[in-house]
Structures are given as structure tokens and as C-alpha cells.
Protein backbone atom coordinates (compact mmCIF):
# COMPACT_ATOMS: atom_id res chain seq x y z
CA MET A 1 -12.54 49.95 94.20
CA SER A 2 -15.24 47.41 94.60
CA VAL A 3 -16.32 45.71 91.50
CA GLY A 4 -18.82 42.48 91.64
CA ALA A 5 -20.43 40.14 89.03
CA ILE A 6 -23.68 39.97 90.93
CA THR A 7 -27.20 39.14 89.68
CA PHE A 8 -28.76 42.49 90.38
CA GLY A 9 -32.81 42.55 90.41
CA THR A 10 -33.79 45.21 87.81
CA MET A 11 -36.38 46.79 85.36
CA ASN A 12 -37.88 44.36 83.14
CA GLN A 13 -38.33 45.34 79.43
CA GLN A 14 -41.22 47.58 80.40
CA GLY A 15 -39.25 49.55 82.71
CA VAL A 16 -40.70 48.35 85.94
CA ARG A 17 -38.54 49.31 88.91
CA TRP A 18 -37.80 47.06 92.20
CA THR A 19 -39.25 47.55 95.62
CA ALA A 20 -37.04 48.43 98.44
CA GLU A 21 -37.62 45.00 99.80
CA GLN A 22 -36.30 43.42 96.81
CA VAL A 23 -33.24 45.66 96.71
CA LEU A 24 -32.41 44.78 100.32
CA THR A 25 -32.36 41.10 99.94
CA LEU A 26 -29.09 41.55 98.01
CA ALA A 27 -27.19 43.13 101.23
CA PRO A 28 -24.34 40.89 102.26
CA ASP A 29 -24.97 41.49 105.85
CA ASP A 30 -27.13 43.72 108.17
CA ALA A 31 -24.59 46.27 108.65
CA SER A 32 -24.51 46.85 104.56
CA ARG A 33 -28.35 46.80 104.82
CA LYS A 34 -28.52 49.58 107.30
CA ALA A 35 -25.70 51.66 105.54
CA GLY A 36 -27.20 51.17 102.49
CA SER A 37 -30.76 52.53 103.48
CA ARG A 38 -29.11 55.65 104.79
CA LEU A 39 -27.84 56.19 101.42
CA GLY A 40 -31.20 55.45 99.66
CA THR A 41 -32.16 59.14 99.85
CA ALA A 42 -31.50 62.06 97.18
CA GLY A 43 -29.15 64.01 99.57
CA PRO A 44 -25.83 62.42 98.72
CA TRP A 45 -26.51 61.66 95.08
CA SER A 46 -26.01 63.78 91.87
CA GLU A 47 -26.08 63.03 88.25
CA SER A 48 -28.18 60.07 88.62
CA GLY A 49 -29.83 58.45 86.03
CA CYS A 50 -31.18 54.98 84.41
CA ASP A 51 -32.04 53.12 81.11
CA ASN A 52 -33.51 49.81 80.49
CA SER A 53 -30.32 48.21 81.33
CA SER A 54 -28.30 50.45 83.83
CA VAL A 55 -28.47 52.85 86.71
CA TRP A 56 -25.69 55.28 87.64
CA GLY A 57 -24.85 58.14 90.02
CA LEU A 58 -22.09 60.07 92.03
CA CYS A 59 -22.20 59.61 95.83
CA LYS A 60 -20.75 62.29 98.04
CA GLY A 61 -18.38 60.79 100.48
CA SER A 62 -15.68 61.94 103.14
CA GLY A 63 -13.34 62.89 100.21
CA SER A 64 -13.31 65.66 97.87
CA ARG A 65 -14.25 63.49 94.93
CA PRO A 66 -17.68 61.70 94.71
CA TYR A 67 -17.80 57.70 94.38
CA GLN A 68 -18.83 56.68 90.94
CA THR A 69 -21.26 53.87 91.16
CA VAL A 70 -23.08 51.91 88.17
CA VAL A 71 -25.24 48.99 88.14
CA ASP A 72 -25.76 46.57 85.31
CA THR A 73 -29.48 46.07 85.72
CA GLY A 74 -29.48 43.15 83.37
CA GLY A 75 -28.24 40.82 85.79
CA LEU A 76 -24.58 40.95 85.28
CA GLY A 77 -22.81 43.21 87.83
CA TYR A 78 -21.86 46.59 89.23
CA LYS A 79 -18.89 48.93 89.83
CA CYS A 80 -18.20 51.44 92.60
CA SER A 81 -14.96 53.41 93.10
CA CYS A 82 -15.10 53.08 96.76
CA PRO A 83 -12.82 50.98 98.54
CA SER A 84 -15.36 48.45 100.18
CA ARG A 85 -14.76 44.76 99.87
CA LYS A 86 -18.20 43.83 100.24
CA PHE A 87 -20.46 42.77 97.35
CA PRO A 88 -22.70 44.79 96.86
CA CYS A 89 -21.26 47.71 98.42
CA LYS A 90 -23.69 50.26 100.56
CA HIS A 91 -23.30 52.80 97.49
CA ALA A 92 -24.73 50.17 95.08
CA LEU A 93 -27.50 49.23 97.55
CA GLY A 94 -28.24 52.94 98.17
CA LEU A 95 -28.21 53.97 94.45
CA LEU A 96 -30.77 50.85 93.83
CA LEU A 97 -32.83 52.16 96.70
CA LEU A 98 -33.05 55.43 95.43
CA TRP A 99 -34.01 54.24 91.88
CA ALA A 100 -36.79 52.10 93.42
CA ALA A 101 -38.38 54.80 95.38
CA ASP A 102 -37.80 58.08 93.44
CA GLU A 103 -38.16 58.42 89.66
CA ARG A 104 -37.41 62.15 90.00
CA ALA A 105 -34.04 61.48 91.64
CA VAL A 106 -33.16 58.70 89.18
CA PRO A 107 -34.97 59.69 85.92
CA VAL A 108 -34.86 57.67 82.72
CA VAL A 109 -32.75 59.12 80.12
CA GLY A 110 -32.45 58.96 76.20
CA ASP A 111 -29.75 57.29 74.08
CA GLY A 112 -26.53 58.97 74.37
CA GLU A 113 -26.96 60.47 77.86
CA VAL A 114 -25.15 57.83 79.78
CA PRO A 115 -22.02 59.62 81.43
CA GLY A 116 -18.79 58.49 79.95
CA TRP A 117 -17.23 56.84 83.18
CA ALA A 118 -20.25 54.62 83.32
CA GLU A 119 -20.79 54.04 79.50
CA GLU A 120 -17.07 53.08 79.30
CA TRP A 121 -17.55 50.60 82.11
CA LEU A 122 -20.76 49.02 80.51
CA ARG A 123 -19.55 48.78 77.19
CA GLY A 124 -16.36 46.87 78.39
CA ARG A 125 -18.78 44.51 80.02
CA ARG A 126 -20.75 43.94 77.30
CA GLU A 127 -17.77 43.47 74.74
CA ARG A 128 -16.50 40.87 77.20
CA ALA A 129 -19.56 39.09 77.48
CA GLU A 130 -19.81 38.78 73.42
CA LYS A 131 -16.30 37.63 73.18
CA LYS A 132 -17.02 35.20 75.85
CA GLY A 133 -20.20 33.92 74.02
CA SER A 134 -18.12 33.51 70.81
CA GLU A 135 -15.70 31.65 72.26
CA THR A 136 -18.15 29.38 73.79
CA ALA A 137 -19.92 28.96 70.43
CA GLY A 138 -16.47 28.41 68.68
CA PRO A 139 -14.42 25.22 67.98
CA ALA A 140 -13.27 23.80 71.42
CA GLU A 141 -9.57 24.37 72.18
CA PRO A 142 -7.34 21.23 72.51
CA ARG A 143 -6.86 20.16 76.05
CA THR A 144 -3.38 20.90 77.37
CA ALA A 145 -3.89 19.37 80.88
CA ASP A 146 -1.79 16.15 81.29
CA PRO A 147 -4.52 13.42 82.40
CA GLU A 148 -1.97 11.20 83.72
CA ALA A 149 -0.42 13.92 86.00
CA ALA A 150 -4.15 14.50 87.19
CA ARG A 151 -4.65 10.95 88.17
CA ARG A 152 -1.36 10.90 90.19
CA ARG A 153 -2.36 13.99 91.99
CA ALA A 154 -5.62 12.44 92.75
CA GLU A 155 -4.35 9.24 94.05
CA LYS A 156 -2.00 11.10 96.14
CA ARG A 157 -4.65 13.09 97.90
CA ALA A 158 -6.58 10.09 98.42
CA GLU A 159 -3.85 8.43 100.27
CA ARG A 160 -3.78 11.62 102.46
CA VAL A 161 -7.17 11.57 103.14
CA THR A 162 -7.17 7.79 103.91
CA ALA A 163 -4.21 8.36 106.46
CA GLY A 164 -6.21 10.96 108.03
CA ALA A 165 -9.46 8.90 108.31
CA GLY A 166 -7.43 6.13 109.79
CA GLU A 167 -5.89 8.61 112.44
CA LEU A 168 -9.31 10.18 113.22
CA GLU A 169 -10.61 6.58 113.66
CA GLN A 170 -7.89 6.01 116.34
CA ARG A 171 -9.06 9.37 118.15
CA LEU A 172 -12.81 8.57 118.33
CA ALA A 173 -11.86 4.94 119.73
CA ASP A 174 -9.69 6.78 122.29
CA LEU A 175 -12.54 8.98 123.01
CA LEU A 176 -15.13 6.13 123.77
CA ARG A 177 -12.61 3.93 125.52
CA GLY A 178 -11.76 6.65 128.08
CA GLY A 179 -15.55 7.78 128.27
CA LEU A 180 -17.47 10.72 127.17
CA ALA A 181 -16.80 12.59 130.13
CA ALA A 182 -13.29 13.06 129.08
CA ALA A 183 -14.26 15.19 126.24
CA GLU A 184 -15.36 17.95 128.61
CA ARG A 185 -11.99 17.73 130.50
CA ALA A 186 -9.83 18.00 127.57
CA GLY A 187 -11.59 20.89 126.38
CA TYR A 188 -11.61 22.51 122.84
CA GLY A 189 -7.74 22.27 122.01
CA LEU A 190 -7.86 18.48 121.57
CA TRP A 191 -10.30 19.09 118.71
CA GLU A 192 -8.65 21.67 117.25
CA GLU A 193 -5.58 19.81 117.09
CA THR A 194 -7.41 17.13 115.27
CA ALA A 195 -9.11 19.29 113.11
CA ALA A 196 -5.68 20.64 112.10
CA ARG A 197 -4.48 17.28 111.40
CA MET A 198 -7.35 16.62 108.89
CA VAL A 199 -6.63 19.94 106.97
CA ASP A 200 -3.11 18.48 106.76
CA ALA A 201 -4.64 15.39 105.23
CA GLN A 202 -6.57 17.62 102.68
CA ALA A 203 -9.94 16.51 104.18
CA PRO A 204 -11.78 19.68 105.10
CA GLY A 205 -15.17 17.92 105.35
CA LEU A 206 -13.72 15.94 108.08
CA ALA A 207 -12.20 18.94 109.95
CA GLY A 208 -15.28 20.60 109.94
CA ARG A 209 -17.23 17.95 111.59
CA VAL A 210 -14.29 17.57 114.15
CA ARG A 211 -14.65 21.25 114.91
CA GLU A 212 -18.30 20.72 115.56
CA LEU A 213 -17.47 17.77 117.82
CA GLY A 214 -15.38 20.18 120.02
CA ALA A 215 -18.21 22.75 120.70
CA ILE A 216 -20.68 20.20 121.81
CA PRO A 217 -19.56 19.51 125.51
CA GLY A 218 -20.12 23.31 125.98
CA SER A 219 -23.64 23.38 124.31
CA GLY A 220 -25.88 22.79 127.48
CA PRO A 221 -27.79 19.80 128.98
CA GLY A 222 -27.92 16.64 127.00
CA TRP A 223 -24.51 17.32 125.29
CA PRO A 224 -23.29 13.52 125.85
CA VAL A 225 -26.25 12.23 123.81
CA ARG A 226 -25.52 14.80 121.20
CA LEU A 227 -21.67 14.21 121.31
CA LEU A 228 -22.40 10.28 120.87
CA GLU A 229 -24.64 10.99 117.82
CA GLU A 230 -22.00 13.22 116.06
CA CYS A 231 -19.21 10.74 116.87
CA ALA A 232 -21.37 8.03 115.29
CA LEU A 233 -22.25 9.98 112.11
CA LEU A 234 -18.04 10.75 111.98
CA HIS A 235 -17.25 7.16 112.41
CA LEU A 236 -19.84 6.17 109.75
CA LEU A 237 -18.25 8.93 107.09
CA ASP A 238 -14.79 7.48 107.99
CA ARG A 239 -15.65 3.94 107.45
CA ALA A 240 -17.45 4.85 104.11
CA TRP A 241 -14.32 6.62 102.89
CA LEU A 242 -12.14 3.59 103.60
CA GLY A 243 -14.53 1.37 101.94
CA ARG A 244 -15.60 3.65 99.27
CA GLU A 245 -14.64 1.27 96.54
CA GLY A 246 -17.43 -1.16 97.24
CA LEU A 247 -20.18 1.70 97.37
CA PRO A 248 -22.59 2.31 94.79
CA GLU A 249 -21.02 5.51 92.63
CA PRO A 250 -24.05 7.99 93.76
CA LEU A 251 -23.39 7.27 97.43
CA ALA A 252 -19.47 7.06 96.86
CA ALA A 253 -19.47 10.59 95.27
CA THR A 254 -21.64 11.78 98.24
CA VAL A 255 -19.00 10.35 100.63
CA ARG A 256 -16.23 12.09 98.59
CA ALA A 257 -18.19 15.43 99.00
CA ARG A 258 -18.72 15.09 102.58
CA VAL A 259 -14.88 14.46 103.35
CA GLY A 260 -14.31 17.47 101.30
CA VAL A 261 -12.68 16.10 97.75
CA PRO A 262 -13.61 18.70 95.32
CA ALA A 263 -15.57 17.60 92.26
CA PRO A 264 -16.79 19.87 89.22
CA PRO A 265 -20.53 20.04 88.37
CA GLN A 266 -21.59 17.27 86.06
CA GLY A 267 -24.27 16.50 83.55
CA PRO A 268 -26.52 18.49 81.16
CA PRO A 269 -27.60 21.87 82.39
CA VAL A 270 -31.25 22.25 83.48
CA ARG A 271 -32.67 25.39 82.14
CA ASP A 272 -36.00 26.52 84.15
CA LEU A 273 -37.56 29.62 85.70
CA TRP A 274 -35.86 29.16 89.19
CA GLN A 275 -37.82 30.93 91.85
CA VAL A 276 -35.35 32.47 94.48
CA LEU A 277 -36.91 31.17 97.83
CA ALA A 278 -34.40 32.22 100.43
CA GLN A 279 -30.64 33.53 100.85
CA TYR A 280 -28.66 33.53 104.00
CA ASP A 281 -25.01 33.63 105.21
CA THR A 282 -23.18 31.59 107.85
CA ALA A 283 -19.72 32.65 108.99
CA ASP A 284 -16.74 31.33 111.02
CA ALA A 285 -13.29 33.00 111.54
CA LYS A 286 -12.18 31.98 108.28
CA LEU A 287 -14.98 31.82 105.90
CA THR A 288 -18.50 33.23 105.11
CA THR A 289 -20.73 30.72 103.17
CA ARG A 290 -23.69 31.95 101.37
CA ARG A 291 -26.79 29.56 100.46
CA ILE A 292 -29.26 30.34 97.82
CA TRP A 293 -32.26 28.11 97.65
CA LEU A 294 -34.37 27.69 94.21
CA TYR A 295 -37.10 26.00 93.06
CA GLY A 296 -37.80 25.08 89.31
CA ARG A 297 -41.30 26.30 88.38
CA GLU A 298 -41.21 23.68 85.43
CA SER A 299 -39.01 20.72 86.55
CA GLY A 300 -40.34 21.05 90.26
CA ARG A 301 -36.63 20.46 91.35
CA SER A 302 -35.10 22.26 94.26
CA ALA A 303 -31.30 23.43 94.01
CA MET A 304 -28.99 25.15 96.31
CA LEU A 305 -26.28 27.44 95.16
CA LEU A 306 -23.25 27.97 97.26
CA ASP A 307 -20.65 30.72 97.33
CA PHE A 308 -18.01 31.66 99.59
CA GLY A 309 -16.03 34.71 100.87
CA ALA A 310 -12.80 34.55 102.73
CA ALA A 311 -10.85 36.92 105.07
CA GLY A 312 -13.67 39.11 105.91
CA ARG A 313 -15.23 39.41 102.33
CA ALA A 314 -18.66 38.73 101.57
CA PRO A 315 -19.66 36.21 98.90
CA GLU A 316 -20.07 37.80 95.44
CA LEU A 317 -23.21 35.82 94.18
CA ALA A 318 -26.37 37.45 95.16
CA LEU A 319 -29.99 36.85 93.89
CA PRO A 320 -33.18 38.47 94.56
CA VAL A 321 -35.44 36.65 97.15
CA GLY A 322 -38.97 36.84 95.87
CA ARG A 323 -38.18 36.87 92.24
CA ALA A 324 -37.43 34.29 89.50
CA ILE A 325 -34.63 33.77 86.90
CA ASP A 326 -34.63 31.97 83.75
CA ALA A 327 -31.27 30.31 84.02
CA GLU A 328 -29.29 27.02 83.45
CA LEU A 329 -28.08 25.18 86.65
CA THR A 330 -25.61 22.16 86.40
CA PRO A 331 -25.95 19.73 89.30
CA TYR A 332 -23.01 18.37 91.40
CA PRO A 333 -22.46 14.65 91.59
CA GLY A 334 -23.84 12.50 94.46
CA GLY A 335 -26.93 10.74 95.75
CA GLY A 336 -29.43 13.21 97.51
CA GLN A 337 -27.26 16.22 96.74
CA LEU A 338 -29.11 19.45 95.75
CA ARG A 339 -26.12 21.65 95.13
CA ALA A 340 -25.89 23.26 91.54
CA ALA A 341 -23.65 25.68 89.64
CA LEU A 342 -25.43 28.63 88.19
CA GLY A 343 -24.67 28.90 84.48
CA GLU A 344 -26.03 30.99 81.64
CA ARG A 345 -28.96 33.52 82.68
CA PHE A 346 -31.53 34.68 79.87
CA GLY A 347 -32.85 38.06 80.57
CA ALA A 348 -33.69 40.09 83.75
CA PRO A 349 -35.43 38.70 86.85
CA LEU A 350 -39.28 37.98 86.61
CA ALA A 351 -42.15 38.00 89.05
CA ALA A 352 -42.04 34.54 90.89
CA GLY A 353 -45.76 33.97 91.13
CA ASP A 354 -47.29 31.46 93.77
CA PRO A 355 -45.04 29.72 96.35
CA PRO A 356 -44.02 26.09 95.69
CA PRO A 357 -46.29 23.36 96.41
CA GLY A 358 -46.37 22.59 100.13
CA GLY A 359 -47.32 19.73 102.38
CA THR A 360 -48.05 19.01 105.94
CA THR A 361 -45.60 18.80 108.79
CA THR A 362 -45.75 15.06 108.70
CA GLU A 363 -44.93 15.20 104.94
CA ALA A 364 -41.97 17.23 105.57
CA MET A 365 -40.47 14.92 107.95
CA GLU A 366 -41.22 11.89 105.70
CA ARG A 367 -39.25 13.89 102.77
CA TYR A 368 -36.23 14.48 105.07
CA GLY A 369 -36.36 10.92 106.07
CA ARG A 370 -36.27 9.64 102.45
CA ALA A 371 -33.34 12.02 101.64
CA LEU A 372 -31.22 10.47 104.48
CA ARG A 373 -31.28 7.27 102.72
CA ASP A 374 -29.07 8.77 100.09
CA ASP A 375 -27.05 11.00 102.37
CA PRO A 376 -26.85 9.86 106.00
CA TRP A 377 -24.91 13.12 106.96
CA LEU A 378 -27.72 15.44 105.76
CA ASP A 379 -28.71 17.96 108.31
CA ALA A 380 -31.61 19.32 106.54
CA TRP A 381 -33.60 19.10 103.59
CA PRO A 382 -35.82 22.14 101.74
CA VAL A 383 -39.68 21.66 102.24
CA THR A 384 -42.49 24.06 101.84
CA LEU A 385 -45.21 23.68 104.44
CA SER A 386 -48.52 24.80 103.66
CA GLY A 387 -51.65 25.59 106.06
CA VAL A 388 -49.54 25.94 109.22
CA ILE A 389 -49.75 28.34 112.07
CA PRO A 390 -46.82 29.61 114.12
CA VAL A 391 -47.18 28.80 117.75
CA PRO A 392 -45.04 31.02 120.22
CA PRO A 393 -43.63 29.26 123.40
CA GLY A 394 -46.17 28.77 126.20
CA GLU A 395 -49.33 28.55 123.78
CA GLY A 396 -51.15 25.42 123.88
CA GLY A 397 -48.38 23.84 126.26
CA ALA A 398 -45.52 24.26 123.75
CA GLU A 399 -42.09 24.43 125.30
CA GLY A 400 -40.66 26.39 122.32
CA TRP A 401 -41.64 27.79 118.99
CA GLN A 402 -43.62 25.41 116.78
CA LEU A 403 -45.40 25.29 113.43
CA ALA A 404 -48.79 23.56 113.60
CA ASP A 405 -50.73 22.07 111.02
CA ALA A 406 -54.14 23.91 110.88
CA GLU A 407 -56.06 20.87 110.23
CA GLY A 408 -54.58 17.89 112.45
CA GLU A 409 -52.76 17.45 115.55
CA SER A 410 -48.94 17.38 114.32
CA ALA A 411 -46.47 20.12 114.49
CA LEU A 412 -42.88 20.74 113.93
CA PRO A 413 -40.43 22.40 116.66
CA VAL A 414 -38.61 25.21 115.20
CA THR A 415 -34.84 24.85 115.30
CA PRO A 416 -33.29 26.45 118.53
CA GLY A 417 -31.23 28.98 116.31
CA ALA A 418 -34.22 30.08 114.35
CA ALA A 419 -36.03 30.76 117.51
CA ASP A 420 -33.75 33.51 118.48
CA ARG A 421 -34.46 35.46 115.24
CA SER A 422 -37.05 38.19 114.97
CA GLY A 423 -38.29 36.61 111.76
CA LEU A 424 -40.62 34.48 113.72
CA TRP A 425 -42.56 37.27 115.09
CA GLN A 426 -42.56 38.49 111.50
CA LEU A 427 -44.11 35.32 110.50
CA VAL A 428 -46.87 35.67 113.45
CA ALA A 429 -47.68 38.97 112.28
CA LEU A 430 -47.76 37.62 108.62
CA SER A 431 -50.37 34.66 109.94
CA GLY A 432 -52.54 36.82 112.16
CA GLY A 433 -53.58 33.61 113.82
CA GLY A 434 -54.57 31.96 110.64
CA PRO A 435 -52.68 29.43 108.42
CA VAL A 436 -49.81 30.48 106.18
CA THR A 437 -47.25 28.92 103.72
CA VAL A 438 -43.69 28.57 105.02
CA PHE A 439 -40.49 27.49 103.28
CA GLY A 440 -37.61 26.45 105.25
CA GLU A 441 -35.22 23.70 106.04
CA CYS A 442 -36.47 20.60 107.97
CA GLY A 443 -34.10 18.34 109.77
CA HIS A 444 -33.29 16.39 112.84
CA ARG A 445 -33.25 19.61 114.74
CA GLY A 446 -36.43 20.98 113.94
CA PHE A 447 -37.70 23.31 111.00
CA ALA A 448 -35.83 26.88 110.34
CA PRO A 449 -38.22 28.99 108.45
CA LEU A 450 -36.55 31.17 105.66
CA ALA A 451 -39.73 32.78 103.77
CA GLY A 452 -43.39 32.83 104.14
CA TRP A 453 -46.38 33.82 102.16
CA ALA A 454 -49.70 35.19 103.40
CA PRO A 455 -52.91 33.65 102.01
CA GLY A 456 -53.48 34.64 98.45
CA GLU A 457 -50.29 36.67 98.31
CA PRO A 458 -47.51 35.76 95.75
CA GLU A 459 -45.02 38.21 97.16
CA ALA A 460 -42.78 36.17 99.77
CA VAL A 461 -41.71 37.64 103.14
CA ARG A 462 -37.89 37.04 103.84
CA LEU A 463 -37.55 35.57 107.37
CA ARG A 464 -33.66 35.45 107.59
């Protein structure tokens, strides 16, 4: 049985349904998107219906009993009786696609017409939400945790991390003493062993950077320069951890986060109408990481939500790209850190309106440069480019993909990974040779486009 607490796009109070594109932004991967699309027709569904807060239906599967699928369309979650471990599952996606496309197949019903199996789950969710709200509003429970024990645990972990950082410094010194060519001869095994030692030292951030070092010698021409650059950044992080007591607190918090020492979100929550600009997943053998970029329409602040899925499971958090949510975000500590925790949401997702204010390619690099002062290990910074034209390889002498200012001579190269995606040709089609607005991540490797807007169009096109 798949159950998820997911923010689903939905009808607003006037009963407006989503588009298919908005539904598909919730898919955890391409396979789910394709499977859900195949189920977005009336054929496999029966007893489907909806009201102003939910959608439900029975989907015929391979067994004798159909799968029971219900979606809480107020942005709270869904349930399906299938065994899928993905969030949302293909049945939930198919049901929402059918609901978006065919009002006759998923009609609006009156009060008292919700089937019992769906009503029971929806009622239980509402009761739990009300109980949680009353507990939050009530008097705070006395704290039972032992602060002295917590302090001792933190000190013990810091000692292990410090020992790991010292060992890593020795490994880096040995590498430079023996010459960078030794890294190619040693192969990936040496780095994996070193990364495992950092995991034992409870420094997962250091472990991740060590694994990245191991992949550089096989990354093609120019790898010694890239390896030296990454070794320098890793050395800087090591030394910053070892000297963290003398750092300003915002920078010290950034160092702790980069090393991998967990910290809860801090500070007062910021309520805003947060525009969902992009959502994408990256994966390795053990973990799938989902990044969601938001922009506050009133505050003008950018924020990033992170969610994780382990052992082949997709992350549960999903927000509708191209929509806006009225919600509270609580920032995590650290200088130059944009990560935040999603708190209370108020109502259903809304139309997002115009794209965020944009700038030139030169201004984008300047913003990234300023961000590096607060976080020297920052790979990229969220920016919106306005009035740029996508330039494919070969045009105007360009060696690779570029985004060029419509007025002026400056341009940003597109990151190599982004150049392999079909989204760039979507951007070319969106542009039609003219200037467009593009949101993405700007860093030392170039610009990775994530969403685009045609001139005068408020609807974003997802590029990844």
C-alpha cells in the first residue's frame, strides 16, 4: 500500500482543475510519468468522482480486485492500495490526469456521495490534522531530553569529525607530494576507502566530496586541473573545520553543514506566496535527492527545499512546478544558505503569475560571485535571466550551448550535463529565435536551465 504526505495541485475553491502538465510535474521519475500517462484514460477506471477537496477512483490492475486510489486535493496527500514504493504512484498520477482532462469520467458529486473507503481515509486525515493543530496551539510539553547528554554526544561527534579531517589532510598531502598522476594510477578504490573512513568519522559531507574526487581522473581532458581545484576546496573545508572556533558564526554554521553535521532549521518562519520554479532529482547508489526551488512573491527571497528517498524509494515531497503555495518556510542556519524547511500551508496552490525579476548574464555571474563570499564551496546559485536567446553549438562560433543576452555581447555557457538534455531544444522552440526568460542554477561550470517563459506568458515550461 502506498501512502504519501504530498502537496498535490488541486482545484481551487471555484473548482478549477489542473492541466496535465501541472500533474506530471509531480512524477518522481520518467518511468512514473510514462506509466501514469498510460493510466490517464477512462478505460481502467471505475467509480471515479471528485468534490472540492478530494478525487477518488478504482483502477483495474492485474489482480482480481481493483486498486483503491484517493487524493486529498487540498495539498495534503494521497493513498493507493497498490504496493508501489514511489510517491506519487502511477495510479495517483493517472487519476489526477483523468480528473484534469475528462470532467465526465471524474464528475463532481454532491455531499454524502463519497465512497466509504475514500471517506474513511479522508476523515481520518482531517481528524489527525485537527488534533495536531490543537496540540500545537496548546501549552508546550515539558522537555524530557537531557541537555547535558546532548552536549556530550555533540562533543563526541565533533571529536570523530576532527580525527577524520586530520586523516583526510594527510591523504591530500600524500597525493600532492606524489604528484597528481598518481591519482589516475591508484584508481577509484583508494578514494572509496577514504570516503568510507569519513563516513566512520560521521562526516558525510566530507565523504561525498572525496567520492567526487575519485571520479575526476576519468572525466576526460583537463582532469588534473579539475582535480587540483577540488582538492583545494576540500583542503579549505578541512582547515575551516579544524579552525571553526575562530570563524564568525554564520560561516561556522556553513562549515558544519558542508561537513555534514546536522542542524535543525532556525529562526522565525517566513510566510509568503512561494512560486514553485523547479523540481528535479539526482541519485546515486544509496540515495535519491530532490531539490525544489521557490521564490517568495512578497519577500523577494529564494529558497530551496530538500527531500530524500533511500533504498530505491522516491522522495515524498512534491510541489507543482508553475504554481504558487501560500506557506511558511523556516531557514536553516549558515551564511549564504538558501535551504529551508516547509512548514504550514494555507489553502490550495494558486496561479503563480509572472516569472521572478530577471537580469543579464553578467549580473548572474556577479550574484554567484557575491554568494561565494559567504559559502566558498557553493557549486551554483539560483538566478533568473531575462531577455536571453538560446544558442546551439556551432551558431556564431559557439563551441557548446550558450545563453546570450539579446542586447549586448555577453553570454553564459550551459553546463555540460544540461547540454545532454532535450530541455534545451524545448527552450529553442519556446524562444523561436527571440529573447526568453529562463530560471536556473548559475555556477563555475556554467548555467543549468530549469524553467523558461515565453514573452508575455505567465506559464512556466519545465526544462528538467
